[in-house]
Amino acid sequence: MPKINIAIDGPVGSGKTTIGRLVAQKLNYQFLDSGLLFRHFARFCQAKNVSTQPSPDRTIELCSEWQSRFLIDNPEIAVQLEQQRDILGSEKIGNLASQLAIIKELRTIILNCQRLLTQNKGWVVVGRDITSEVLPQAEVKIFLTASWEVRIRRRYQQHQGKINQEQVEKDLLARDEKDKNRILSPLRKTADSWELDTTHLSPAESIVRILDYIKAKKY
């Protein structure tokens, strides 16, 4: 069977990273979490003593250097990002990544990098604008959802009790508002995306549903 690209979007706590990674393993595909690209760049900026949002010109300058060092002719970048997930998951890096992600020039550069990486089919890519902006031509497009309560519980478990549930809820609410209302590439379900509610599904059950959906599309 010829390989395809699978694009998965969804809000925080919908299960897209866990589910996307497992779907990729099942299909022997490569997996890319687009958010880690922004976090990787944020970490690079930190190493350059950039702790707040730089000017667009400085961002492009930094991004050009970052591309040359880490992305160009590096087919292993997706694997390397996964290996650094714990480091890239720090709150400080996340805050800087959020500031950087609203810079149009940077989003364009990273979008093009993702398209270049995935031009040879056989990818599962997860994020918040994958179906709408990054891979609008993906053969399979999925939008994951979950109830508010379940999303809070998942995020709380992900933080392993390092912050209390009230703070998790506050952060999740702020993140939702930012994702849905940002000018550049807001989180939205495209008309041709298949929606899967993971509220009452385990990752394994979600994967079965997704694989059945892919088979039904004759892929």
N, C-alpha and C. Protein backbone atom coordinates (compact mmCIF):
# COMPACT_ATOMS: atom_id res chain seq x y z
N MET A 1 0.84 -1.20 0.00
CA MET A 1 0.00 0.00 0.00
C MET A 1 0.88 1.25 0.00
N PRO A 2 0.56 2.22 -0.87
CA PRO A 2 1.34 3.47 -0.86
C PRO A 2 1.12 4.22 0.44
N LYS A 3 2.17 4.88 0.90
CA LYS A 3 2.06 5.63 2.15
C LYS A 3 1.33 6.95 1.93
N ILE A 4 0.74 7.45 3.00
CA ILE A 4 -0.01 8.71 2.98
C ILE A 4 0.49 9.59 4.11
N ASN A 5 -0.01 10.81 4.17
CA ASN A 5 0.23 11.68 5.32
C ASN A 5 -1.06 11.82 6.13
N ILE A 6 -0.90 11.78 7.44
CA ILE A 6 -2.04 11.88 8.36
C ILE A 6 -1.85 13.12 9.22
N ALA A 7 -2.80 14.04 9.16
CA ALA A 7 -2.74 15.29 9.92
C ALA A 7 -3.74 15.23 11.07
N ILE A 8 -3.28 15.54 12.27
CA ILE A 8 -4.14 15.49 13.45
C ILE A 8 -4.07 16.80 14.22
N ASP A 9 -5.22 17.42 14.42
CA ASP A 9 -5.32 18.64 15.22
C ASP A 9 -6.19 18.38 16.44
N GLY A 10 -6.15 19.32 17.37
CA GLY A 10 -7.01 19.23 18.54
C GLY A 10 -6.49 20.12 19.64
N PRO A 11 -7.34 20.46 20.59
CA PRO A 11 -6.91 21.30 21.71
C PRO A 11 -6.02 20.54 22.68
N VAL A 12 -5.42 21.27 23.60
CA VAL A 12 -4.59 20.66 24.65
C VAL A 12 -5.43 19.64 25.43
N GLY A 13 -4.86 18.46 25.65
CA GLY A 13 -5.55 17.46 26.44
C GLY A 13 -6.50 16.57 25.66
N SER A 14 -6.56 16.75 24.35
CA SER A 14 -7.45 15.90 23.54
C SER A 14 -6.81 14.55 23.24
N GLY A 15 -5.52 14.43 23.50
CA GLY A 15 -4.83 13.16 23.31
C GLY A 15 -4.05 13.05 22.02
N LYS A 16 -3.90 14.15 21.29
CA LYS A 16 -3.33 14.05 19.95
C LYS A 16 -1.88 13.58 19.92
N THR A 17 -1.07 13.99 20.90
CA THR A 17 0.34 13.59 20.88
C THR A 17 0.48 12.11 21.17
N THR A 18 -0.15 11.64 22.22
CA THR A 18 -0.08 10.21 22.57
C THR A 18 -0.66 9.35 21.46
N ILE A 19 -1.84 9.73 20.99
CA ILE A 19 -2.52 8.95 19.96
C ILE A 19 -1.76 9.02 18.64
N GLY A 20 -1.31 10.21 18.26
CA GLY A 20 -0.58 10.36 17.01
C GLY A 20 0.69 9.54 16.98
N ARG A 21 1.42 9.54 18.09
CA ARG A 21 2.66 8.77 18.17
C ARG A 21 2.38 7.27 18.02
N LEU A 22 1.32 6.80 18.67
CA LEU A 22 0.99 5.37 18.61
C LEU A 22 0.47 4.95 17.24
N VAL A 23 -0.29 5.84 16.59
CA VAL A 23 -0.74 5.55 15.22
C VAL A 23 0.48 5.42 14.30
N ALA A 24 1.44 6.32 14.46
CA ALA A 24 2.66 6.27 13.65
C ALA A 24 3.40 4.95 13.87
N GLN A 25 3.48 4.51 15.12
CA GLN A 25 4.15 3.24 15.41
C GLN A 25 3.42 2.07 14.76
N LYS A 26 2.09 2.09 14.84
CA LYS A 26 1.29 1.00 14.25
C LYS A 26 1.50 0.90 12.74
N LEU A 27 1.60 2.05 12.10
CA LEU A 27 1.72 2.09 10.64
C LEU A 27 3.17 2.09 10.16
N ASN A 28 4.10 2.12 11.12
CA ASN A 28 5.52 2.26 10.80
C ASN A 28 5.78 3.55 10.02
N TYR A 29 5.12 4.62 10.47
CA TYR A 29 5.29 5.94 9.88
C TYR A 29 6.20 6.77 10.79
N GLN A 30 6.63 7.90 10.28
CA GLN A 30 7.38 8.86 11.09
C GLN A 30 6.38 9.79 11.79
N PHE A 31 6.79 10.27 12.96
CA PHE A 31 5.91 11.11 13.77
C PHE A 31 6.54 12.47 14.00
N LEU A 32 5.72 13.52 13.84
CA LEU A 32 6.20 14.88 14.08
C LEU A 32 5.19 15.65 14.91
N ASP A 33 5.64 16.16 16.04
CA ASP A 33 4.85 17.06 16.88
C ASP A 33 5.30 18.47 16.53
N SER A 34 4.46 19.20 15.79
CA SER A 34 4.88 20.51 15.28
C SER A 34 5.23 21.49 16.40
N GLY A 35 4.56 21.35 17.55
CA GLY A 35 4.85 22.24 18.66
C GLY A 35 6.28 22.15 19.15
N LEU A 36 6.89 20.97 19.00
CA LEU A 36 8.27 20.80 19.44
C LEU A 36 9.24 21.59 18.58
N LEU A 37 8.87 21.85 17.32
CA LEU A 37 9.74 22.68 16.48
C LEU A 37 9.84 24.09 17.05
N PHE A 38 8.70 24.65 17.46
CA PHE A 38 8.72 25.99 18.07
C PHE A 38 9.49 25.97 19.38
N ARG A 39 9.32 24.92 20.16
CA ARG A 39 10.03 24.82 21.43
C ARG A 39 11.54 24.64 21.21
N HIS A 40 11.90 23.88 20.19
CA HIS A 40 13.31 23.69 19.88
C HIS A 40 13.95 25.02 19.50
N PHE A 41 13.22 25.80 18.69
CA PHE A 41 13.74 27.12 18.31
C PHE A 41 13.82 28.02 19.53
N ALA A 42 12.84 27.93 20.42
CA ALA A 42 12.87 28.74 21.65
C ALA A 42 14.09 28.40 22.49
N ARG A 43 14.40 27.12 22.59
CA ARG A 43 15.59 26.71 23.34
C ARG A 43 16.86 27.25 22.69
N PHE A 44 16.88 27.24 21.36
CA PHE A 44 18.02 27.80 20.63
C PHE A 44 18.16 29.28 20.94
N CYS A 45 17.04 29.99 20.99
CA CYS A 45 17.06 31.42 21.31
C CYS A 45 17.57 31.65 22.74
N GLN A 46 17.15 30.79 23.66
CA GLN A 46 17.63 30.91 25.04
C GLN A 46 19.14 30.79 25.11
N ALA A 47 19.68 29.87 24.31
CA ALA A 47 21.14 29.69 24.28
C ALA A 47 21.84 30.92 23.73
N LYS A 48 21.09 31.74 22.99
CA LYS A 48 21.62 32.99 22.44
C LYS A 48 21.27 34.17 23.35
N ASN A 49 20.84 33.84 24.59
CA ASN A 49 20.47 34.86 25.59
C ASN A 49 19.28 35.72 25.16
N VAL A 50 18.37 35.11 24.39
CA VAL A 50 17.13 35.78 24.03
C VAL A 50 16.04 35.21 24.93
N SER A 51 15.52 36.02 25.84
CA SER A 51 14.55 35.52 26.81
C SER A 51 13.15 36.08 26.60
N THR A 52 13.03 37.07 25.74
CA THR A 52 11.72 37.64 25.41
C THR A 52 11.59 37.72 23.89
N GLN A 53 10.39 38.06 23.44
CA GLN A 53 10.13 38.08 22.00
C GLN A 53 11.06 39.07 21.29
N PRO A 54 11.91 38.58 20.37
CA PRO A 54 12.80 39.48 19.63
C PRO A 54 12.06 40.18 18.50
N SER A 55 12.70 41.14 17.88
CA SER A 55 12.10 41.82 16.73
C SER A 55 11.98 40.84 15.57
N PRO A 56 11.08 41.10 14.61
CA PRO A 56 10.97 40.21 13.46
C PRO A 56 12.29 40.01 12.73
N ASP A 57 13.07 41.09 12.56
CA ASP A 57 14.35 40.96 11.86
C ASP A 57 15.31 40.05 12.62
N ARG A 58 15.36 40.22 13.94
CA ARG A 58 16.23 39.38 14.76
C ARG A 58 15.73 37.94 14.75
N THR A 59 14.43 37.76 14.72
CA THR A 59 13.85 36.42 14.67
C THR A 59 14.28 35.69 13.40
N ILE A 60 14.18 36.38 12.27
CA ILE A 60 14.56 35.78 10.99
C ILE A 60 16.05 35.43 10.98
N GLU A 61 16.85 36.32 11.55
CA GLU A 61 18.29 36.08 11.64
C GLU A 61 18.58 34.82 12.47
N LEU A 62 17.93 34.74 13.62
CA LEU A 62 18.11 33.57 14.49
C LEU A 62 17.58 32.30 13.83
N CYS A 63 16.44 32.42 13.17
CA CYS A 63 15.82 31.26 12.55
C CYS A 63 16.65 30.73 11.40
N SER A 64 17.28 31.63 10.66
CA SER A 64 18.15 31.22 9.57
C SER A 64 19.33 30.39 10.09
N GLU A 65 19.90 30.85 11.19
CA GLU A 65 21.01 30.11 11.80
C GLU A 65 20.53 28.76 12.33
N TRP A 66 19.36 28.77 12.96
CA TRP A 66 18.77 27.54 13.52
C TRP A 66 18.50 26.53 12.42
N GLN A 67 17.93 26.99 11.30
CA GLN A 67 17.66 26.10 10.17
C GLN A 67 18.94 25.45 9.67
N SER A 68 19.97 26.27 9.50
CA SER A 68 21.24 25.77 8.97
C SER A 68 21.85 24.71 9.87
N ARG A 69 21.72 24.91 11.18
CA ARG A 69 22.35 24.00 12.13
C ARG A 69 21.55 22.73 12.39
N PHE A 70 20.23 22.83 12.36
CA PHE A 70 19.42 21.70 12.82
C PHE A 70 18.46 21.09 11.80
N LEU A 71 18.01 21.86 10.82
CA LEU A 71 16.94 21.37 9.94
C LEU A 71 17.40 20.96 8.56
N ILE A 72 18.24 21.77 7.94
CA ILE A 72 18.64 21.51 6.56
C ILE A 72 19.44 20.21 6.47
N ASP A 73 19.03 19.35 5.56
CA ASP A 73 19.68 18.05 5.35
C ASP A 73 19.76 17.23 6.64
N ASN A 74 18.72 17.30 7.44
CA ASN A 74 18.66 16.53 8.69
C ASN A 74 17.35 15.76 8.75
N PRO A 75 17.29 14.61 8.10
CA PRO A 75 16.04 13.83 8.09
C PRO A 75 15.69 13.24 9.46
N GLU A 76 16.62 13.32 10.41
CA GLU A 76 16.40 12.75 11.74
C GLU A 76 15.83 13.76 12.73
N ILE A 77 15.49 14.96 12.28
CA ILE A 77 15.07 16.01 13.22
C ILE A 77 13.84 15.58 14.02
N ALA A 78 12.89 14.89 13.41
CA ALA A 78 11.68 14.48 14.14
C ALA A 78 12.03 13.54 15.29
N VAL A 79 12.94 12.61 15.05
CA VAL A 79 13.39 11.68 16.09
C VAL A 79 14.13 12.44 17.18
N GLN A 80 14.97 13.37 16.79
CA GLN A 80 15.73 14.16 17.76
C GLN A 80 14.82 14.99 18.64
N LEU A 81 13.76 15.53 18.07
CA LEU A 81 12.79 16.30 18.85
C LEU A 81 12.14 15.43 19.92
N GLU A 82 11.77 14.22 19.55
CA GLU A 82 11.15 13.31 20.52
C GLU A 82 12.12 12.96 21.64
N GLN A 83 13.38 12.79 21.30
CA GLN A 83 14.39 12.46 22.30
C GLN A 83 14.59 13.60 23.30
N GLN A 84 14.30 14.83 22.87
CA GLN A 84 14.49 16.00 23.72
C GLN A 84 13.17 16.49 24.34
N ARG A 85 12.12 15.70 24.23
CA ARG A 85 10.79 16.14 24.65
C ARG A 85 10.77 16.62 26.11
N ASP A 86 11.41 15.91 27.01
CA ASP A 86 11.39 16.30 28.43
C ASP A 86 12.03 17.67 28.63
N ILE A 87 13.16 17.91 27.97
CA ILE A 87 13.84 19.20 28.09
C ILE A 87 12.99 20.30 27.47
N LEU A 88 12.45 20.04 26.29
CA LEU A 88 11.67 21.05 25.57
C LEU A 88 10.33 21.32 26.25
N GLY A 89 9.93 20.44 27.15
CA GLY A 89 8.65 20.60 27.82
C GLY A 89 8.66 21.54 29.01
N SER A 90 9.79 22.18 29.29
CA SER A 90 9.87 23.07 30.45
C SER A 90 8.97 24.29 30.27
N GLU A 91 8.50 24.81 31.39
CA GLU A 91 7.58 25.95 31.35
C GLU A 91 8.24 27.19 30.74
N LYS A 92 9.51 27.40 31.07
CA LYS A 92 10.22 28.58 30.56
C LYS A 92 10.34 28.53 29.03
N ILE A 93 10.70 27.37 28.51
CA ILE A 93 10.79 27.22 27.06
C ILE A 93 9.41 27.37 26.43
N GLY A 94 8.40 26.80 27.07
CA GLY A 94 7.04 26.90 26.54
C GLY A 94 6.54 28.32 26.46
N ASN A 95 6.84 29.12 27.49
CA ASN A 95 6.41 30.52 27.49
C ASN A 95 7.08 31.30 26.37
N LEU A 96 8.38 31.07 26.16
CA LEU A 96 9.08 31.77 25.09
C LEU A 96 8.57 31.29 23.73
N ALA A 97 8.33 29.99 23.60
CA ALA A 97 7.82 29.45 22.34
C ALA A 97 6.48 30.08 21.98
N SER A 98 5.63 30.31 22.98
CA SER A 98 4.33 30.94 22.74
C SER A 98 4.49 32.37 22.22
N GLN A 99 5.47 33.09 22.76
CA GLN A 99 5.73 34.45 22.29
C GLN A 99 6.26 34.44 20.86
N LEU A 100 7.14 33.49 20.58
CA LEU A 100 7.74 33.42 19.25
C LEU A 100 6.73 32.97 18.20
N ALA A 101 5.81 32.12 18.59
CA ALA A 101 4.88 31.51 17.63
C ALA A 101 3.92 32.51 17.00
N ILE A 102 3.78 33.70 17.59
CA ILE A 102 2.87 34.69 17.00
C ILE A 102 3.57 35.58 15.98
N ILE A 103 4.88 35.36 15.78
CA ILE A 103 5.61 36.13 14.77
C ILE A 103 5.39 35.49 13.40
N LYS A 104 4.77 36.24 12.52
CA LYS A 104 4.36 35.70 11.22
C LYS A 104 5.53 35.12 10.44
N GLU A 105 6.64 35.84 10.44
CA GLU A 105 7.81 35.39 9.67
C GLU A 105 8.30 34.03 10.15
N LEU A 106 8.29 33.85 11.46
CA LEU A 106 8.74 32.57 12.02
C LEU A 106 7.77 31.44 11.67
N ARG A 107 6.48 31.71 11.78
CA ARG A 107 5.50 30.67 11.45
C ARG A 107 5.64 30.23 9.99
N THR A 108 5.91 31.19 9.11
CA THR A 108 6.08 30.86 7.69
C THR A 108 7.29 29.96 7.48
N ILE A 109 8.39 30.30 8.14
CA ILE A 109 9.61 29.51 8.01
C ILE A 109 9.40 28.09 8.52
N ILE A 110 8.79 27.96 9.71
CA ILE A 110 8.58 26.63 10.29
C ILE A 110 7.54 25.85 9.50
N LEU A 111 6.52 26.53 8.98
CA LEU A 111 5.54 25.86 8.13
C LEU A 111 6.22 25.24 6.92
N ASN A 112 7.08 26.01 6.27
CA ASN A 112 7.78 25.51 5.08
C ASN A 112 8.71 24.34 5.43
N CYS A 113 9.33 24.41 6.61
CA CYS A 113 10.18 23.31 7.06
C CYS A 113 9.38 22.03 7.22
N GLN A 114 8.18 22.15 7.80
CA GLN A 114 7.33 20.97 8.00
C GLN A 114 6.88 20.38 6.67
N ARG A 115 6.56 21.23 5.72
CA ARG A 115 6.13 20.74 4.41
C ARG A 115 7.29 20.05 3.69
N LEU A 116 8.49 20.60 3.85
CA LEU A 116 9.66 19.99 3.23
C LEU A 116 9.95 18.62 3.85
N LEU A 117 9.85 18.56 5.17
CA LEU A 117 10.09 17.30 5.89
C LEU A 117 9.13 16.20 5.44
N THR A 118 7.87 16.58 5.21
CA THR A 118 6.82 15.59 4.96
C THR A 118 6.49 15.40 3.48
N GLN A 119 7.33 15.93 2.60
CA GLN A 119 7.01 15.82 1.18
C GLN A 119 7.07 14.36 0.69
N ASN A 120 7.91 13.55 1.35
CA ASN A 120 7.88 12.11 1.11
C ASN A 120 6.88 11.52 2.10
N LYS A 121 5.83 10.89 1.59
CA LYS A 121 4.71 10.46 2.42
C LYS A 121 5.14 9.44 3.49
N GLY A 122 4.24 9.26 4.46
CA GLY A 122 4.52 8.32 5.54
C GLY A 122 4.72 9.03 6.86
N TRP A 123 3.94 10.11 7.08
CA TRP A 123 4.06 10.91 8.29
C TRP A 123 2.72 11.02 9.02
N VAL A 124 2.82 11.04 10.34
CA VAL A 124 1.71 11.47 11.20
C VAL A 124 2.18 12.75 11.86
N VAL A 125 1.47 13.85 11.60
CA VAL A 125 1.86 15.16 12.13
C VAL A 125 0.74 15.68 13.01
N VAL A 126 1.08 16.11 14.22
CA VAL A 126 0.07 16.62 15.15
C VAL A 126 0.36 18.06 15.52
N GLY A 127 -0.72 18.81 15.80
CA GLY A 127 -0.57 20.20 16.19
C GLY A 127 -1.92 20.87 16.33
N ARG A 128 -1.96 22.16 15.99
CA ARG A 128 -3.21 22.91 16.08
C ARG A 128 -3.62 23.54 14.75
N ASP A 129 -2.72 23.50 13.78
CA ASP A 129 -3.06 24.05 12.46
C ASP A 129 -2.56 23.14 11.34
N ILE A 130 -2.44 21.86 11.65
CA ILE A 130 -1.88 20.93 10.67
C ILE A 130 -2.86 20.69 9.51
N THR A 131 -4.12 20.45 9.83
CA THR A 131 -5.11 20.18 8.78
C THR A 131 -5.45 21.42 7.98
N SER A 132 -5.32 22.58 8.59
CA SER A 132 -5.74 23.82 7.93
C SER A 132 -4.60 24.55 7.22
N GLU A 133 -3.39 24.50 7.78
CA GLU A 133 -2.29 25.30 7.25
C GLU A 133 -1.09 24.48 6.80
N VAL A 134 -0.65 23.55 7.63
CA VAL A 134 0.60 22.84 7.35
C VAL A 134 0.42 21.78 6.27
N LEU A 135 -0.56 20.90 6.44
CA LEU A 135 -0.80 19.82 5.48
C LEU A 135 -2.26 19.81 5.03
N PRO A 136 -2.71 20.87 4.38
CA PRO A 136 -4.12 20.91 3.95
C PRO A 136 -4.45 19.84 2.90
N GLN A 137 -3.42 19.27 2.26
CA GLN A 137 -3.64 18.24 1.25
C GLN A 137 -3.43 16.83 1.80
N ALA A 138 -3.30 16.69 3.11
CA ALA A 138 -3.11 15.37 3.71
C ALA A 138 -4.27 14.45 3.34
N GLU A 139 -3.95 13.19 3.09
CA GLU A 139 -4.98 12.24 2.69
C GLU A 139 -5.98 11.97 3.82
N VAL A 140 -5.50 11.98 5.06
CA VAL A 140 -6.36 11.77 6.22
C VAL A 140 -6.20 12.95 7.17
N LYS A 141 -7.33 13.56 7.53
CA LYS A 141 -7.32 14.73 8.42
C LYS A 141 -8.27 14.45 9.58
N ILE A 142 -7.74 14.58 10.79
CA ILE A 142 -8.50 14.20 11.99
C ILE A 142 -8.47 15.34 12.99
N PHE A 143 -9.61 15.57 13.63
CA PHE A 143 -9.71 16.57 14.70
C PHE A 143 -10.16 15.87 15.96
N LEU A 144 -9.29 15.84 16.97
CA LEU A 144 -9.61 15.18 18.24
C LEU A 144 -10.21 16.16 19.23
N THR A 145 -11.18 15.69 19.99
CA THR A 145 -11.79 16.49 21.04
C THR A 145 -11.89 15.64 22.31
N ALA A 146 -12.21 16.29 23.41
CA ALA A 146 -12.49 15.60 24.67
C ALA A 146 -13.21 16.59 25.57
N SER A 147 -13.91 16.07 26.56
CA SER A 147 -14.63 16.96 27.47
C SER A 147 -13.65 17.80 28.27
N TRP A 148 -14.15 18.93 28.76
CA TRP A 148 -13.34 19.84 29.56
C TRP A 148 -12.75 19.13 30.78
N GLU A 149 -13.56 18.34 31.47
CA GLU A 149 -13.12 17.65 32.69
C GLU A 149 -12.01 16.64 32.39
N VAL A 150 -12.17 15.91 31.31
CA VAL A 150 -11.16 14.91 30.95
C VAL A 150 -9.87 15.58 30.52
N ARG A 151 -9.96 16.66 29.81
CA ARG A 151 -8.75 17.38 29.39
C ARG A 151 -7.99 17.90 30.60
N ILE A 152 -8.71 18.43 31.59
CA ILE A 152 -8.05 18.90 32.81
C ILE A 152 -7.36 17.73 33.52
N ARG A 153 -8.06 16.61 33.63
CA ARG A 153 -7.48 15.45 34.32
C ARG A 153 -6.22 14.96 33.61
N ARG A 154 -6.26 14.91 32.29
CA ARG A 154 -5.09 14.46 31.53
C ARG A 154 -3.90 15.39 31.72
N ARG A 155 -4.16 16.69 31.68
CA ARG A 155 -3.07 17.66 31.86
C ARG A 155 -2.50 17.59 33.27
N TYR A 156 -3.38 17.41 34.24
CA TYR A 156 -2.93 17.29 35.63
C TYR A 156 -2.04 16.07 35.80
N GLN A 157 -2.44 14.96 35.22
CA GLN A 157 -1.63 13.74 35.28
C GLN A 157 -0.31 13.91 34.54
N GLN A 158 -0.37 14.66 33.44
CA GLN A 158 0.85 14.90 32.67
C GLN A 158 1.87 15.69 33.48
N HIS A 159 1.38 16.63 34.29
CA HIS A 159 2.28 17.43 35.13
C HIS A 159 2.73 16.67 36.37
N GLN A 160 2.17 15.47 36.59
CA GLN A 160 2.58 14.59 37.69
C GLN A 160 2.50 15.29 39.05
N GLY A 161 1.45 16.10 39.22
CA GLY A 161 1.23 16.74 40.51
C GLY A 161 2.15 17.90 40.83
N LYS A 162 2.93 18.35 39.85
CA LYS A 162 3.86 19.46 40.10
C LYS A 162 3.13 20.79 40.25
N ILE A 163 1.94 20.90 39.68
CA ILE A 163 1.09 22.06 39.90
C ILE A 163 -0.30 21.56 40.25
N ASN A 164 -1.05 22.37 41.01
CA ASN A 164 -2.36 21.91 41.47
C ASN A 164 -3.40 21.97 40.34
N GLN A 165 -4.52 21.31 40.57
CA GLN A 165 -5.54 21.20 39.54
C GLN A 165 -6.15 22.55 39.19
N GLU A 166 -6.25 23.42 40.16
CA GLU A 166 -6.80 24.76 39.90
C GLU A 166 -5.93 25.52 38.91
N GLN A 167 -4.61 25.40 39.07
CA GLN A 167 -3.69 26.07 38.15
C GLN A 167 -3.75 25.44 36.76
N VAL A 168 -3.89 24.12 36.72
CA VAL A 168 -4.03 23.43 35.44
C VAL A 168 -5.25 23.94 34.69
N GLU A 169 -6.36 24.08 35.41
CA GLU A 169 -7.60 24.56 34.79
C GLU A 169 -7.43 26.00 34.28
N LYS A 170 -6.78 26.82 35.07
CA LYS A 170 -6.55 28.22 34.67
C LYS A 170 -5.68 28.29 33.42
N ASP A 171 -4.60 27.50 33.41
CA ASP A 171 -3.69 27.49 32.27
C ASP A 171 -4.39 26.97 31.01
N LEU A 172 -5.22 25.94 31.18
CA LEU A 172 -5.91 25.35 30.04
C LEU A 172 -6.91 26.33 29.43
N LEU A 173 -7.60 27.05 30.27
CA LEU A 173 -8.56 28.05 29.80
C LEU A 173 -7.85 29.14 29.00
N ALA A 174 -6.71 29.60 29.52
CA ALA A 174 -5.94 30.64 28.84
C ALA A 174 -5.41 30.12 27.50
N ARG A 175 -4.96 28.86 27.49
CA ARG A 175 -4.42 28.28 26.26
C ARG A 175 -5.51 28.13 25.20
N ASP A 176 -6.69 27.71 25.62
CA ASP A 176 -7.82 27.59 24.68
C ASP A 176 -8.15 28.93 24.04
N GLU A 177 -8.22 29.96 24.87
CA GLU A 177 -8.55 31.30 24.36
C GLU A 177 -7.50 31.76 23.36
N LYS A 178 -6.25 31.52 23.68
CA LYS A 178 -5.16 31.93 22.80
C LYS A 178 -5.21 31.16 21.48
N ASP A 179 -5.41 29.84 21.56
CA ASP A 179 -5.42 29.01 20.36
C ASP A 179 -6.57 29.34 19.42
N LYS A 180 -7.74 29.61 19.98
CA LYS A 180 -8.93 29.85 19.17
C LYS A 180 -8.99 31.26 18.60
N ASN A 181 -8.39 32.21 19.30
CA ASN A 181 -8.57 33.62 18.93
C ASN A 181 -7.35 34.28 18.31
N ARG A 182 -6.25 33.54 18.19
CA ARG A 182 -5.06 34.17 17.61
C ARG A 182 -5.30 34.49 16.14
N ILE A 183 -4.66 35.53 15.67
CA ILE A 183 -4.85 35.98 14.29
C ILE A 183 -4.23 34.99 13.31
N LEU A 184 -3.03 34.51 13.64
CA LEU A 184 -2.33 33.59 12.75
C LEU A 184 -2.67 32.14 13.09
N SER A 185 -3.22 31.44 12.12
CA SER A 185 -3.47 30.00 12.23
C SER A 185 -4.20 29.59 13.51
N PRO A 186 -5.40 30.10 13.74
CA PRO A 186 -6.15 29.69 14.94
C PRO A 186 -6.55 28.22 14.87
N LEU A 187 -6.78 27.64 16.05
CA LEU A 187 -7.25 26.26 16.10
C LEU A 187 -8.68 26.19 15.58
N ARG A 188 -8.91 25.35 14.58
CA ARG A 188 -10.26 25.17 14.06
C ARG A 188 -10.36 23.82 13.37
N LYS A 189 -11.56 23.31 13.31
CA LYS A 189 -11.81 22.05 12.61
C LYS A 189 -12.17 22.36 11.17
N THR A 190 -11.41 21.81 10.24
CA THR A 190 -11.70 22.04 8.83
C THR A 190 -12.90 21.19 8.40
N ALA A 191 -13.53 21.60 7.33
CA ALA A 191 -14.75 20.92 6.87
C ALA A 191 -14.49 19.47 6.48
N ASP A 192 -13.26 19.18 6.05
CA ASP A 192 -12.95 17.82 5.59
C ASP A 192 -12.22 16.99 6.65
N SER A 193 -12.22 17.45 7.89
CA SER A 193 -11.60 16.67 8.97
C SER A 193 -12.63 15.78 9.65
N TRP A 194 -12.20 14.59 9.99
CA TRP A 194 -13.05 13.65 10.74
C TRP A 194 -12.86 13.91 12.23
N GLU A 195 -13.95 14.12 12.95
CA GLU A 195 -13.86 14.42 14.38
C GLU A 195 -14.01 13.16 15.21
N LEU A 196 -13.12 13.01 16.19
CA LEU A 196 -13.18 11.87 17.11
C LEU A 196 -13.14 12.40 18.54
N ASP A 197 -14.18 12.11 19.29
CA ASP A 197 -14.25 12.49 20.70
C ASP A 197 -13.59 11.39 21.53
N THR A 198 -12.50 11.73 22.20
CA THR A 198 -11.72 10.73 22.96
C THR A 198 -12.09 10.70 24.44
N THR A 199 -13.16 11.40 24.82
CA THR A 199 -13.52 11.52 26.24
C THR A 199 -13.60 10.17 26.94
N HIS A 200 -14.28 9.22 26.32
CA HIS A 200 -14.50 7.92 26.95
C HIS A 200 -13.67 6.81 26.31
N LEU A 201 -12.62 7.22 25.59
CA LEU A 201 -11.78 6.24 24.90
C LEU A 201 -10.38 6.21 25.48
N SER A 202 -9.82 5.03 25.61
CA SER A 202 -8.41 4.90 25.96
C SER A 202 -7.59 5.18 24.70
N PRO A 203 -6.28 5.43 24.82
CA PRO A 203 -5.47 5.59 23.62
C PRO A 203 -5.60 4.41 22.67
N ALA A 204 -5.61 3.19 23.22
CA ALA A 204 -5.72 2.00 22.37
C ALA A 204 -7.04 1.98 21.61
N GLU A 205 -8.12 2.35 22.28
CA GLU A 205 -9.44 2.38 21.63
C GLU A 205 -9.49 3.47 20.56
N SER A 206 -8.87 4.60 20.84
CA SER A 206 -8.83 5.69 19.86
C SER A 206 -8.07 5.27 18.62
N ILE A 207 -6.98 4.55 18.81
CA ILE A 207 -6.16 4.10 17.68
C ILE A 207 -6.96 3.14 16.80
N VAL A 208 -7.70 2.24 17.41
CA VAL A 208 -8.54 1.30 16.64
C VAL A 208 -9.54 2.08 15.78
N ARG A 209 -10.17 3.08 16.37
CA ARG A 209 -11.15 3.90 15.62
C ARG A 209 -10.46 4.59 14.43
N ILE A 210 -9.28 5.13 14.68
CA ILE A 210 -8.57 5.86 13.63
C ILE A 210 -8.12 4.91 12.51
N LEU A 211 -7.58 3.77 12.88
CA LEU A 211 -7.13 2.82 11.86
C LEU A 211 -8.31 2.30 11.05
N ASP A 212 -9.45 2.09 11.69
CA ASP A 212 -10.66 1.68 10.96
C ASP A 212 -11.09 2.77 9.99
N TYR A 213 -10.99 4.01 10.41
CA TYR A 213 -11.37 5.14 9.55
C TYR A 213 -10.45 5.20 8.33
N ILE A 214 -9.16 5.01 8.57
CA ILE A 214 -8.19 5.04 7.46
C ILE A 214 -8.49 3.91 6.47
N LYS A 215 -8.78 2.73 6.99
CA LYS A 215 -9.11 1.59 6.12
C LYS A 215 -10.37 1.87 5.32
N ALA A 216 -11.34 2.50 5.95
CA ALA A 216 -12.60 2.81 5.27
C ALA A 216 -12.40 3.78 4.11
N LYS A 217 -11.35 4.58 4.20
CA LYS A 217 -11.04 5.51 3.12
C LYS A 217 -10.19 4.85 2.03
N LYS A 218 -9.97 3.54 2.19
CA LYS A 218 -9.25 2.74 1.19
C LYS A 218 -7.76 3.04 1.15
N TYR A 219 -7.22 3.45 2.28
CA TYR A 219 -5.77 3.67 2.35
C TYR A 219 -5.11 2.52 3.08
